[in-house]
Protein backbone atom coordinates (compact mmCIF):
# COMPACT_ATOMS: atom_id res chain seq x y z
CA LEU A 1 -71.24 -111.00 -8.57
CA GLN A 2 -74.88 -111.91 -8.65
CA ASN A 3 -76.18 -114.70 -6.44
CA ILE A 4 -78.16 -117.31 -8.29
CA LYS A 5 -80.60 -119.43 -6.37
CA ARG A 6 -81.70 -122.67 -7.98
CA VAL A 7 -84.59 -124.79 -6.89
CA LEU A 8 -84.17 -128.53 -7.03
CA VAL A 9 -87.36 -130.39 -7.79
CA ASN A 10 -88.12 -134.08 -7.58
CA ILE A 11 -85.52 -134.57 -4.86
CA LYS A 12 -86.68 -137.04 -2.26
CA PRO A 13 -84.79 -136.67 1.01
CA ARG A 14 -83.52 -139.94 2.38
CA ASP A 15 -84.05 -140.88 5.98
CA ILE A 16 -80.53 -140.91 7.38
CA GLY A 17 -81.72 -142.62 10.54
CA SER A 18 -82.94 -145.68 8.68
CA LEU A 19 -79.69 -145.84 6.72
CA LEU A 20 -77.64 -145.73 9.92
CA SER A 21 -79.80 -148.11 11.92
CA GLY A 22 -79.09 -150.88 9.44
CA HIS A 23 -75.37 -150.59 10.23
CA ALA A 24 -75.51 -149.95 13.97
CA THR A 25 -74.25 -152.57 16.37
CA ALA A 26 -75.48 -153.28 19.89
CA ASP A 27 -72.35 -151.84 21.54
CA GLU A 28 -72.67 -148.39 19.94
CA ASP A 29 -73.67 -145.41 22.08
CA PRO A 30 -77.24 -144.36 21.15
CA LYS A 31 -76.51 -140.69 22.00
CA MET A 32 -73.45 -140.66 19.75
CA LEU A 33 -75.45 -142.25 16.94
CA SER A 34 -78.21 -139.68 17.42
CA ASN A 35 -75.68 -136.83 17.32
CA PHE A 36 -74.10 -138.29 14.18
CA LYS A 37 -77.51 -138.51 12.50
CA ASP A 38 -78.28 -134.91 13.48
CA LEU A 39 -74.94 -133.69 12.11
CA LEU A 40 -75.41 -135.47 8.79
CA GLU A 41 -78.95 -134.15 8.39
CA LYS A 42 -77.75 -130.59 8.97
CA ILE A 43 -74.70 -130.91 6.70
CA PHE A 44 -76.70 -132.36 3.81
CA MET A 45 -79.57 -129.85 4.07
CA LEU A 46 -80.56 -128.86 0.52
CA ASP A 47 -81.37 -125.26 1.42
CA PRO A 48 -78.00 -123.50 1.77
CA GLU A 49 -79.45 -120.97 4.21
CA LYS A 50 -80.42 -123.80 6.60
CA ARG A 51 -77.24 -125.86 6.05
CA LEU A 52 -74.54 -125.83 8.74
CA THR A 53 -71.47 -123.71 8.16
CA VAL A 54 -68.04 -125.23 8.71
CA SER A 55 -67.75 -123.43 12.07
CA GLN A 56 -71.15 -124.68 13.18
CA ALA A 57 -70.28 -128.23 12.13
CA LEU A 58 -67.01 -128.11 14.07
CA ASN A 59 -68.94 -127.02 17.18
CA HIS A 60 -71.58 -129.76 16.82
CA PRO A 61 -71.86 -132.17 19.79
CA PHE A 62 -70.82 -135.14 17.64
CA ILE A 63 -67.51 -133.43 16.84
CA THR A 64 -66.90 -131.89 20.27
CA GLY A 65 -68.03 -134.96 22.21
CA LYS A 66 -70.25 -132.87 24.49
């Protein structure tokens, strides 16, 4: 099998933080929200070499609660 790497152009990354802040309520834990934002940013990374693996995602502080 030959690996094929494709470059996506004209993709504008969205700011996950601004999307989440519009839905956050006053009683939510800011650290948990920050960890959630970090996890989403790393999961949705366009570059597959920088994207989290399943194992890394399962060990993320948002998932583990640490």
